[in-house]
Amino acid sequence: MKTKLFLLTFLTLTTLLFGQTAEKIAAVRKKVEAINTEKSYQVKKLDSDYFVNVNNETADGGQELSGYYKNGKLKKIIYSVGISYGMKTCEYFFSNDELIFVFEKQDQFAAINDQSNQGTGLDHTKLTSVYTGRFYFENSKLFSIKQTGKEISNKMYKKSKEAELLKDSKVFRAELEKAKSK
């Protein structure tokens, strides 16, 4: 009897928790959709030259950081960087100055093979999507992760990924604010 009661309680609580998470994801998606459909942003772009001149940073395929502002408030950041194997793009979304969602995408250059199907290099004109990650936040806490494919630079532990995304969003925000004030 105790086992049945425990199982019934467990199933009920699990269903409630999944329902709450689904509702929170839906609320975040609605905010992200509103941010993405807005057309009247003030955009601040920082290109590779900025990163070389100001931070002494270089990337194989360059990098770009864009901040999307509405009424002086940062709503979205897009960071893209070309790396030796392809491209990585991260989009950060904010509501009330708080990170709510990150979309991460990694694309890999297509392999060039010889007649015996041995890899001889990369075709830098063709990219293939190998990974997408969707990270949902509430009160600076990562509450849900949705992934497809395999992250190339795999550091996918929830706590470290949460810390990495929060740190990156703060660093990128600071870079945009610093450049905006110049």
N, C-alpha and C. Protein backbone atom coordinates (compact mmCIF):
# COMPACT_ATOMS: atom_id res chain seq x y z
N MET A 1 0.82 -1.20 0.00
CA MET A 1 0.00 0.00 0.00
C MET A 1 0.86 1.26 0.00
N LYS A 2 1.94 1.25 0.83
CA LYS A 2 2.82 2.41 0.89
C LYS A 2 3.48 2.66 -0.46
N THR A 3 3.83 1.58 -1.15
CA THR A 3 4.48 1.70 -2.45
C THR A 3 3.54 2.34 -3.46
N LYS A 4 2.29 1.92 -3.46
CA LYS A 4 1.30 2.49 -4.38
C LYS A 4 1.08 3.97 -4.08
N LEU A 5 0.97 4.31 -2.80
CA LEU A 5 0.77 5.70 -2.41
C LEU A 5 1.98 6.55 -2.82
N PHE A 6 3.18 6.02 -2.59
CA PHE A 6 4.40 6.73 -2.98
C PHE A 6 4.44 6.94 -4.49
N LEU A 7 4.14 5.89 -5.25
CA LEU A 7 4.16 5.97 -6.71
C LEU A 7 3.13 6.99 -7.22
N LEU A 8 1.94 6.97 -6.65
CA LEU A 8 0.90 7.91 -7.05
C LEU A 8 1.32 9.36 -6.73
N THR A 9 1.89 9.58 -5.56
CA THR A 9 2.37 10.92 -5.18
C THR A 9 3.48 11.37 -6.12
N PHE A 10 4.42 10.47 -6.40
CA PHE A 10 5.54 10.79 -7.29
C PHE A 10 5.04 11.18 -8.68
N LEU A 11 4.14 10.40 -9.24
CA LEU A 11 3.60 10.69 -10.56
C LEU A 11 2.84 12.02 -10.59
N THR A 12 2.08 12.31 -9.56
CA THR A 12 1.33 13.56 -9.49
C THR A 12 2.29 14.76 -9.44
N LEU A 13 3.30 14.68 -8.57
CA LEU A 13 4.25 15.78 -8.45
C LEU A 13 5.06 15.97 -9.74
N THR A 14 5.45 14.89 -10.36
CA THR A 14 6.21 14.96 -11.62
C THR A 14 5.38 15.64 -12.70
N THR A 15 4.12 15.27 -12.79
CA THR A 15 3.23 15.87 -13.78
C THR A 15 3.07 17.37 -13.53
N LEU A 16 2.93 17.76 -12.27
CA LEU A 16 2.80 19.17 -11.93
C LEU A 16 4.07 19.94 -12.28
N LEU A 17 5.23 19.36 -11.98
CA LEU A 17 6.50 20.04 -12.28
C LEU A 17 6.69 20.21 -13.78
N PHE A 18 6.40 19.17 -14.56
CA PHE A 18 6.53 19.28 -16.01
C PHE A 18 5.56 20.32 -16.56
N GLY A 19 4.37 20.39 -16.00
CA GLY A 19 3.39 21.38 -16.43
C GLY A 19 3.86 22.79 -16.15
N GLN A 20 4.47 23.00 -14.98
CA GLN A 20 4.98 24.33 -14.64
C GLN A 20 6.12 24.71 -15.58
N THR A 21 7.01 23.78 -15.86
CA THR A 21 8.12 24.06 -16.77
C THR A 21 7.60 24.40 -18.16
N ALA A 22 6.64 23.65 -18.63
CA ALA A 22 6.07 23.92 -19.96
C ALA A 22 5.44 25.31 -20.01
N GLU A 23 4.77 25.71 -18.94
CA GLU A 23 4.16 27.05 -18.89
C GLU A 23 5.24 28.13 -18.89
N LYS A 24 6.33 27.91 -18.14
CA LYS A 24 7.42 28.89 -18.09
C LYS A 24 8.10 29.00 -19.46
N ILE A 25 8.29 27.87 -20.13
CA ILE A 25 8.89 27.88 -21.47
C ILE A 25 8.00 28.65 -22.43
N ALA A 26 6.70 28.40 -22.36
CA ALA A 26 5.75 29.10 -23.24
C ALA A 26 5.80 30.62 -23.01
N ALA A 27 5.91 31.03 -21.75
CA ALA A 27 5.98 32.46 -21.43
C ALA A 27 7.26 33.08 -21.99
N VAL A 28 8.38 32.36 -21.86
CA VAL A 28 9.65 32.86 -22.40
C VAL A 28 9.58 32.94 -23.92
N ARG A 29 9.04 31.91 -24.55
CA ARG A 29 8.92 31.91 -26.02
C ARG A 29 8.09 33.10 -26.51
N LYS A 30 7.04 33.42 -25.79
CA LYS A 30 6.20 34.55 -26.17
C LYS A 30 6.99 35.86 -26.12
N LYS A 31 7.80 36.03 -25.08
CA LYS A 31 8.63 37.23 -24.95
C LYS A 31 9.69 37.28 -26.05
N VAL A 32 10.32 36.14 -26.33
CA VAL A 32 11.35 36.07 -27.37
C VAL A 32 10.74 36.39 -28.73
N GLU A 33 9.55 35.86 -28.99
CA GLU A 33 8.87 36.14 -30.26
C GLU A 33 8.60 37.63 -30.41
N ALA A 34 8.16 38.27 -29.33
CA ALA A 34 7.90 39.72 -29.37
C ALA A 34 9.20 40.49 -29.64
N ILE A 35 10.28 40.07 -29.03
CA ILE A 35 11.57 40.72 -29.25
C ILE A 35 12.01 40.54 -30.70
N ASN A 36 11.83 39.34 -31.23
CA ASN A 36 12.26 39.07 -32.61
C ASN A 36 11.40 39.76 -33.66
N THR A 37 10.15 40.04 -33.35
CA THR A 37 9.28 40.67 -34.35
C THR A 37 9.35 42.20 -34.31
N GLU A 38 9.93 42.75 -33.26
CA GLU A 38 10.10 44.21 -33.17
C GLU A 38 11.01 44.68 -34.31
N LYS A 39 10.65 45.79 -34.93
CA LYS A 39 11.40 46.30 -36.08
C LYS A 39 12.16 47.59 -35.81
N SER A 40 11.82 48.29 -34.74
CA SER A 40 12.39 49.63 -34.56
C SER A 40 13.48 49.68 -33.48
N TYR A 41 14.45 48.81 -33.60
CA TYR A 41 15.56 48.81 -32.64
C TYR A 41 16.64 49.81 -33.05
N GLN A 42 17.34 50.31 -32.06
CA GLN A 42 18.59 51.01 -32.30
C GLN A 42 19.65 49.92 -32.14
N VAL A 43 20.46 49.73 -33.18
CA VAL A 43 21.43 48.63 -33.20
C VAL A 43 22.84 49.18 -33.07
N LYS A 44 23.60 48.58 -32.16
CA LYS A 44 25.02 48.90 -32.00
C LYS A 44 25.80 47.65 -32.40
N LYS A 45 26.67 47.80 -33.43
CA LYS A 45 27.46 46.66 -33.92
C LYS A 45 28.93 46.89 -33.65
N LEU A 46 29.58 45.84 -33.18
CA LEU A 46 31.01 45.83 -32.99
C LEU A 46 31.57 44.71 -33.87
N ASP A 47 32.50 45.07 -34.77
CA ASP A 47 33.04 44.06 -35.68
C ASP A 47 34.42 43.59 -35.23
N SER A 48 35.06 42.80 -36.05
CA SER A 48 36.37 42.23 -35.72
C SER A 48 37.39 43.30 -35.38
N ASP A 49 37.37 44.43 -36.10
CA ASP A 49 38.32 45.50 -35.83
C ASP A 49 38.22 45.99 -34.39
N TYR A 50 37.00 46.10 -33.88
CA TYR A 50 36.81 46.53 -32.50
C TYR A 50 37.51 45.56 -31.55
N PHE A 51 37.28 44.27 -31.75
CA PHE A 51 37.85 43.27 -30.84
C PHE A 51 39.38 43.24 -30.92
N VAL A 52 39.94 43.48 -32.12
CA VAL A 52 41.39 43.52 -32.28
C VAL A 52 41.95 44.78 -31.63
N ASN A 53 41.36 45.93 -31.94
CA ASN A 53 41.89 47.21 -31.46
C ASN A 53 41.68 47.43 -29.97
N VAL A 54 40.53 47.06 -29.46
CA VAL A 54 40.21 47.35 -28.06
C VAL A 54 40.63 46.22 -27.12
N ASN A 55 40.36 44.99 -27.52
CA ASN A 55 40.62 43.85 -26.63
C ASN A 55 41.82 43.00 -27.04
N ASN A 56 42.42 43.34 -28.18
CA ASN A 56 43.53 42.56 -28.72
C ASN A 56 43.13 41.08 -28.92
N GLU A 57 41.89 40.87 -29.38
CA GLU A 57 41.37 39.53 -29.64
C GLU A 57 41.24 39.30 -31.14
N THR A 58 41.62 38.12 -31.58
CA THR A 58 41.40 37.76 -32.98
C THR A 58 40.69 36.41 -33.03
N ALA A 59 39.96 36.20 -34.10
CA ALA A 59 39.29 34.93 -34.34
C ALA A 59 39.54 34.54 -35.79
N ASP A 60 39.67 33.24 -36.05
CA ASP A 60 39.98 32.75 -37.39
C ASP A 60 39.09 33.38 -38.45
N GLY A 61 37.79 33.38 -38.21
CA GLY A 61 36.83 33.89 -39.20
C GLY A 61 36.20 35.20 -38.79
N GLY A 62 36.83 35.92 -37.87
CA GLY A 62 36.28 37.19 -37.42
C GLY A 62 35.19 36.99 -36.38
N GLN A 63 34.73 38.11 -35.85
CA GLN A 63 33.64 38.08 -34.87
C GLN A 63 32.85 39.37 -34.93
N GLU A 64 31.59 39.26 -34.52
CA GLU A 64 30.71 40.42 -34.53
C GLU A 64 29.78 40.33 -33.34
N LEU A 65 29.56 41.48 -32.71
CA LEU A 65 28.68 41.59 -31.57
C LEU A 65 27.68 42.70 -31.87
N SER A 66 26.39 42.37 -31.78
CA SER A 66 25.34 43.37 -32.05
C SER A 66 24.40 43.44 -30.86
N GLY A 67 24.10 44.67 -30.45
CA GLY A 67 23.14 44.90 -29.38
C GLY A 67 21.91 45.59 -29.95
N TYR A 68 20.74 45.11 -29.58
CA TYR A 68 19.47 45.65 -30.06
C TYR A 68 18.77 46.34 -28.89
N TYR A 69 18.59 47.66 -29.03
CA TYR A 69 18.04 48.49 -27.96
C TYR A 69 16.68 49.05 -28.34
N LYS A 70 15.80 49.09 -27.36
CA LYS A 70 14.48 49.70 -27.52
C LYS A 70 14.28 50.64 -26.33
N ASN A 71 14.12 51.93 -26.62
CA ASN A 71 13.97 52.94 -25.57
C ASN A 71 15.12 52.87 -24.56
N GLY A 72 16.33 52.65 -25.07
CA GLY A 72 17.51 52.63 -24.23
C GLY A 72 17.75 51.32 -23.48
N LYS A 73 16.84 50.38 -23.59
CA LYS A 73 16.97 49.09 -22.89
C LYS A 73 17.46 48.02 -23.85
N LEU A 74 18.44 47.26 -23.42
CA LEU A 74 18.97 46.17 -24.23
C LEU A 74 17.96 45.02 -24.23
N LYS A 75 17.57 44.60 -25.43
CA LYS A 75 16.59 43.53 -25.57
C LYS A 75 17.21 42.24 -26.11
N LYS A 76 18.28 42.40 -26.93
CA LYS A 76 18.84 41.23 -27.59
C LYS A 76 20.31 41.50 -27.92
N ILE A 77 21.11 40.45 -27.80
CA ILE A 77 22.51 40.48 -28.22
C ILE A 77 22.70 39.31 -29.17
N ILE A 78 23.40 39.57 -30.28
CA ILE A 78 23.81 38.49 -31.17
C ILE A 78 25.33 38.53 -31.26
N TYR A 79 25.94 37.40 -30.94
CA TYR A 79 27.40 37.28 -31.04
C TYR A 79 27.71 36.13 -32.00
N SER A 80 28.51 36.43 -33.01
CA SER A 80 28.93 35.37 -33.93
C SER A 80 30.45 35.41 -34.06
N VAL A 81 31.02 34.23 -34.13
CA VAL A 81 32.47 34.11 -34.23
C VAL A 81 32.82 32.99 -35.20
N GLY A 82 33.76 33.30 -36.10
CA GLY A 82 34.26 32.29 -37.02
C GLY A 82 35.46 31.60 -36.38
N ILE A 83 35.36 30.31 -36.24
CA ILE A 83 36.44 29.53 -35.64
C ILE A 83 36.97 28.54 -36.65
N SER A 84 38.04 27.88 -36.33
CA SER A 84 38.73 27.05 -37.32
C SER A 84 37.84 25.99 -37.96
N TYR A 85 36.88 25.46 -37.24
CA TYR A 85 36.03 24.40 -37.77
C TYR A 85 34.71 24.91 -38.35
N GLY A 86 34.37 26.19 -38.14
CA GLY A 86 33.10 26.69 -38.65
C GLY A 86 32.69 28.00 -38.02
N MET A 87 31.42 28.08 -37.61
CA MET A 87 30.85 29.30 -37.03
C MET A 87 30.06 28.94 -35.77
N LYS A 88 30.11 29.86 -34.83
CA LYS A 88 29.29 29.74 -33.63
C LYS A 88 28.53 31.04 -33.47
N THR A 89 27.22 30.93 -33.25
CA THR A 89 26.37 32.10 -33.06
C THR A 89 25.55 31.90 -31.79
N CYS A 90 25.51 32.95 -30.97
CA CYS A 90 24.70 32.93 -29.76
C CYS A 90 23.81 34.17 -29.76
N GLU A 91 22.55 33.96 -29.46
CA GLU A 91 21.60 35.06 -29.32
C GLU A 91 21.11 35.06 -27.88
N TYR A 92 21.22 36.23 -27.25
CA TYR A 92 20.82 36.40 -25.85
C TYR A 92 19.62 37.33 -25.82
N PHE A 93 18.59 36.96 -25.08
CA PHE A 93 17.36 37.74 -25.01
C PHE A 93 17.13 38.19 -23.58
N PHE A 94 16.67 39.44 -23.45
CA PHE A 94 16.49 40.04 -22.13
C PHE A 94 15.08 40.59 -21.97
N SER A 95 14.57 40.46 -20.76
CA SER A 95 13.30 41.07 -20.39
C SER A 95 13.52 41.73 -19.04
N ASN A 96 13.19 43.01 -18.94
CA ASN A 96 13.42 43.77 -17.70
C ASN A 96 14.88 43.66 -17.24
N ASP A 97 15.79 43.79 -18.20
CA ASP A 97 17.24 43.73 -17.94
C ASP A 97 17.73 42.39 -17.41
N GLU A 98 16.93 41.35 -17.55
CA GLU A 98 17.31 40.03 -17.06
C GLU A 98 17.37 39.05 -18.22
N LEU A 99 18.41 38.21 -18.24
CA LEU A 99 18.54 37.18 -19.27
C LEU A 99 17.41 36.17 -19.12
N ILE A 100 16.69 35.94 -20.24
CA ILE A 100 15.58 34.98 -20.19
C ILE A 100 15.79 33.79 -21.13
N PHE A 101 16.63 33.97 -22.17
CA PHE A 101 16.76 32.91 -23.16
C PHE A 101 18.05 33.08 -23.93
N VAL A 102 18.68 31.95 -24.25
CA VAL A 102 19.86 31.94 -25.12
C VAL A 102 19.64 30.88 -26.18
N PHE A 103 19.86 31.27 -27.44
CA PHE A 103 19.84 30.33 -28.56
C PHE A 103 21.28 30.23 -29.07
N GLU A 104 21.82 29.03 -29.05
CA GLU A 104 23.19 28.81 -29.50
C GLU A 104 23.18 27.86 -30.69
N LYS A 105 23.97 28.21 -31.70
CA LYS A 105 24.04 27.39 -32.91
C LYS A 105 25.50 27.23 -33.31
N GLN A 106 25.87 26.00 -33.65
CA GLN A 106 27.22 25.73 -34.14
C GLN A 106 27.11 25.08 -35.51
N ASP A 107 27.84 25.68 -36.46
CA ASP A 107 27.89 25.16 -37.82
C ASP A 107 29.33 24.75 -38.11
N GLN A 108 29.47 23.66 -38.85
CA GLN A 108 30.79 23.13 -39.17
C GLN A 108 31.01 23.20 -40.67
N PHE A 109 32.25 23.54 -41.07
CA PHE A 109 32.59 23.53 -42.48
C PHE A 109 32.53 22.09 -43.00
N ALA A 110 32.09 21.95 -44.25
CA ALA A 110 32.01 20.63 -44.87
C ALA A 110 33.42 20.09 -45.13
N ALA A 111 33.56 18.80 -44.96
CA ALA A 111 34.85 18.15 -45.21
C ALA A 111 35.07 17.97 -46.71
N ILE A 112 36.32 18.09 -47.13
CA ILE A 112 36.70 17.79 -48.51
C ILE A 112 37.43 16.46 -48.47
N ASN A 113 36.94 15.52 -49.26
CA ASN A 113 37.53 14.19 -49.29
C ASN A 113 38.14 13.90 -50.65
N ASP A 114 39.20 13.11 -50.65
CA ASP A 114 39.82 12.71 -51.92
C ASP A 114 39.08 11.49 -52.47
N GLN A 115 39.61 10.88 -53.54
CA GLN A 115 38.92 9.76 -54.19
C GLN A 115 38.79 8.55 -53.28
N SER A 116 39.69 8.39 -52.32
CA SER A 116 39.59 7.25 -51.40
C SER A 116 38.81 7.61 -50.13
N ASN A 117 38.10 8.74 -50.18
CA ASN A 117 37.25 9.22 -49.09
C ASN A 117 38.04 9.63 -47.85
N GLN A 118 39.30 9.97 -48.03
CA GLN A 118 40.12 10.48 -46.94
C GLN A 118 39.95 11.99 -46.87
N GLY A 119 39.83 12.51 -45.67
CA GLY A 119 39.68 13.95 -45.48
C GLY A 119 40.95 14.69 -45.88
N THR A 120 40.79 15.70 -46.73
CA THR A 120 41.95 16.48 -47.16
C THR A 120 41.86 17.94 -46.75
N GLY A 121 40.75 18.34 -46.17
CA GLY A 121 40.59 19.73 -45.76
C GLY A 121 39.14 20.08 -45.52
N LEU A 122 38.90 21.36 -45.47
CA LEU A 122 37.55 21.86 -45.23
C LEU A 122 37.13 22.80 -46.34
N ASP A 123 35.85 22.73 -46.70
CA ASP A 123 35.29 23.65 -47.68
C ASP A 123 34.69 24.83 -46.92
N HIS A 124 35.41 25.96 -46.93
CA HIS A 124 35.00 27.13 -46.16
C HIS A 124 33.81 27.87 -46.77
N THR A 125 33.24 27.35 -47.85
CA THR A 125 32.06 27.97 -48.45
C THR A 125 30.78 27.24 -48.07
N LYS A 126 30.90 26.07 -47.42
CA LYS A 126 29.72 25.27 -47.08
C LYS A 126 29.70 24.98 -45.58
N LEU A 127 28.61 25.38 -44.97
CA LEU A 127 28.42 25.13 -43.54
C LEU A 127 27.27 24.15 -43.33
N THR A 128 27.43 23.29 -42.34
CA THR A 128 26.39 22.35 -41.96
C THR A 128 26.10 22.55 -40.48
N SER A 129 24.84 22.67 -40.14
CA SER A 129 24.45 22.82 -38.73
C SER A 129 24.71 21.50 -38.00
N VAL A 130 25.44 21.58 -36.90
CA VAL A 130 25.74 20.37 -36.13
C VAL A 130 25.17 20.41 -34.71
N TYR A 131 24.78 21.61 -34.26
CA TYR A 131 24.29 21.71 -32.88
C TYR A 131 23.41 22.95 -32.73
N THR A 132 22.32 22.81 -32.01
CA THR A 132 21.55 23.95 -31.54
C THR A 132 21.19 23.70 -30.08
N GLY A 133 21.25 24.76 -29.32
CA GLY A 133 20.88 24.69 -27.91
C GLY A 133 19.94 25.82 -27.57
N ARG A 134 18.93 25.51 -26.79
CA ARG A 134 17.97 26.51 -26.32
C ARG A 134 18.00 26.45 -24.80
N PHE A 135 18.31 27.60 -24.19
CA PHE A 135 18.52 27.66 -22.75
C PHE A 135 17.55 28.68 -22.16
N TYR A 136 16.71 28.21 -21.26
CA TYR A 136 15.65 29.03 -20.67
C TYR A 136 16.03 29.42 -19.24
N PHE A 137 15.90 30.72 -18.95
CA PHE A 137 16.28 31.25 -17.64
C PHE A 137 15.11 31.91 -16.95
N GLU A 138 15.15 31.85 -15.63
CA GLU A 138 14.22 32.61 -14.79
C GLU A 138 14.98 33.01 -13.54
N ASN A 139 14.98 34.30 -13.23
CA ASN A 139 15.71 34.82 -12.07
C ASN A 139 17.18 34.39 -12.07
N SER A 140 17.81 34.50 -13.22
CA SER A 140 19.23 34.14 -13.41
C SER A 140 19.53 32.67 -13.12
N LYS A 141 18.53 31.83 -13.24
CA LYS A 141 18.71 30.39 -13.07
C LYS A 141 18.26 29.67 -14.33
N LEU A 142 19.09 28.78 -14.80
CA LEU A 142 18.76 27.96 -15.97
C LEU A 142 17.76 26.90 -15.53
N PHE A 143 16.56 26.92 -16.14
CA PHE A 143 15.56 25.94 -15.72
C PHE A 143 15.22 24.90 -16.78
N SER A 144 15.65 25.12 -18.02
CA SER A 144 15.38 24.12 -19.04
C SER A 144 16.40 24.24 -20.18
N ILE A 145 16.80 23.09 -20.70
CA ILE A 145 17.73 23.01 -21.82
C ILE A 145 17.13 22.11 -22.87
N LYS A 146 17.11 22.58 -24.11
CA LYS A 146 16.67 21.77 -25.26
C LYS A 146 17.82 21.77 -26.26
N GLN A 147 18.30 20.59 -26.65
CA GLN A 147 19.44 20.50 -27.56
C GLN A 147 19.15 19.55 -28.71
N THR A 148 19.74 19.87 -29.85
CA THR A 148 19.74 18.93 -30.97
C THR A 148 21.16 18.90 -31.50
N GLY A 149 21.59 17.73 -31.92
CA GLY A 149 22.95 17.56 -32.41
C GLY A 149 23.92 17.44 -31.25
N LYS A 150 25.20 17.57 -31.58
CA LYS A 150 26.25 17.43 -30.58
C LYS A 150 27.11 18.68 -30.58
N GLU A 151 27.21 19.30 -29.42
CA GLU A 151 28.03 20.49 -29.26
C GLU A 151 29.48 20.13 -29.54
N ILE A 152 30.13 20.91 -30.39
CA ILE A 152 31.51 20.59 -30.78
C ILE A 152 32.46 20.76 -29.61
N SER A 153 32.39 21.89 -28.96
CA SER A 153 33.21 22.08 -27.76
C SER A 153 32.32 21.76 -26.56
N ASN A 154 32.26 20.49 -26.22
CA ASN A 154 31.26 20.00 -25.28
C ASN A 154 31.67 20.25 -23.83
N LYS A 155 31.02 21.24 -23.20
CA LYS A 155 31.18 21.50 -21.78
C LYS A 155 29.79 21.48 -21.15
N MET A 156 28.98 20.53 -21.50
CA MET A 156 27.56 20.60 -21.23
C MET A 156 27.16 20.09 -19.85
N TYR A 157 27.69 20.67 -18.82
CA TYR A 157 27.19 20.40 -17.50
C TYR A 157 26.30 21.59 -17.15
N LYS A 158 25.13 21.30 -16.62
CA LYS A 158 24.13 22.36 -16.45
C LYS A 158 24.69 23.55 -15.68
N LYS A 159 25.32 23.33 -14.55
CA LYS A 159 25.81 24.44 -13.73
C LYS A 159 26.89 25.23 -14.46
N SER A 160 27.83 24.54 -15.11
CA SER A 160 28.89 25.28 -15.79
C SER A 160 28.34 26.01 -17.02
N LYS A 161 27.37 25.42 -17.71
CA LYS A 161 26.76 26.08 -18.87
C LYS A 161 25.97 27.30 -18.41
N GLU A 162 25.26 27.16 -17.31
CA GLU A 162 24.52 28.29 -16.76
C GLU A 162 25.48 29.43 -16.44
N ALA A 163 26.55 29.14 -15.74
CA ALA A 163 27.53 30.17 -15.37
C ALA A 163 28.17 30.78 -16.61
N GLU A 164 28.50 29.94 -17.60
CA GLU A 164 29.11 30.43 -18.84
C GLU A 164 28.19 31.40 -19.58
N LEU A 165 26.93 31.04 -19.74
CA LEU A 165 26.00 31.89 -20.47
C LEU A 165 25.70 33.18 -19.73
N LEU A 166 25.55 33.12 -18.42
CA LEU A 166 25.33 34.34 -17.64
C LEU A 166 26.54 35.26 -17.71
N LYS A 167 27.74 34.68 -17.59
CA LYS A 167 28.97 35.48 -17.66
C LYS A 167 29.12 36.12 -19.04
N ASP A 168 28.95 35.32 -20.09
CA ASP A 168 29.08 35.86 -21.45
C ASP A 168 28.08 36.98 -21.70
N SER A 169 26.85 36.82 -21.25
CA SER A 169 25.85 37.88 -21.48
C SER A 169 26.26 39.16 -20.77
N LYS A 170 26.85 39.06 -19.58
CA LYS A 170 27.30 40.25 -18.85
C LYS A 170 28.51 40.89 -19.54
N VAL A 171 29.45 40.07 -20.00
CA VAL A 171 30.63 40.59 -20.69
C VAL A 171 30.22 41.29 -21.98
N PHE A 172 29.35 40.66 -22.76
CA PHE A 172 28.90 41.26 -24.03
C PHE A 172 28.13 42.56 -23.77
N ARG A 173 27.29 42.57 -22.75
CA ARG A 173 26.54 43.77 -22.39
C ARG A 173 27.52 44.90 -22.05
N ALA A 174 28.54 44.57 -21.26
CA ALA A 174 29.53 45.58 -20.86
C ALA A 174 30.30 46.11 -22.07
N GLU A 175 30.67 45.22 -23.01
CA GLU A 175 31.37 45.65 -24.22
C GLU A 175 30.52 46.61 -25.04
N LEU A 176 29.24 46.27 -25.17
CA LEU A 176 28.33 47.15 -25.93
C LEU A 176 28.16 48.50 -25.24
N GLU A 177 28.02 48.49 -23.93
CA GLU A 177 27.86 49.75 -23.18
C GLU A 177 29.12 50.60 -23.30
N LYS A 178 30.28 49.96 -23.20
CA LYS A 178 31.55 50.68 -23.31
C LYS A 178 31.68 51.32 -24.70
N ALA A 179 31.35 50.57 -25.73
CA ALA A 179 31.45 51.09 -27.10
C ALA A 179 30.38 52.15 -27.36
N LYS A 180 29.21 51.98 -26.78
CA LYS A 180 28.10 52.91 -26.97
C LYS A 180 28.43 54.29 -26.38
N SER A 181 29.19 54.29 -25.29
CA SER A 181 29.50 55.56 -24.62
C SER A 181 30.63 56.33 -25.32
N LYS A 182 31.28 55.71 -26.29
CA LYS A 182 32.38 56.39 -27.00
C LYS A 182 31.86 57.28 -28.10
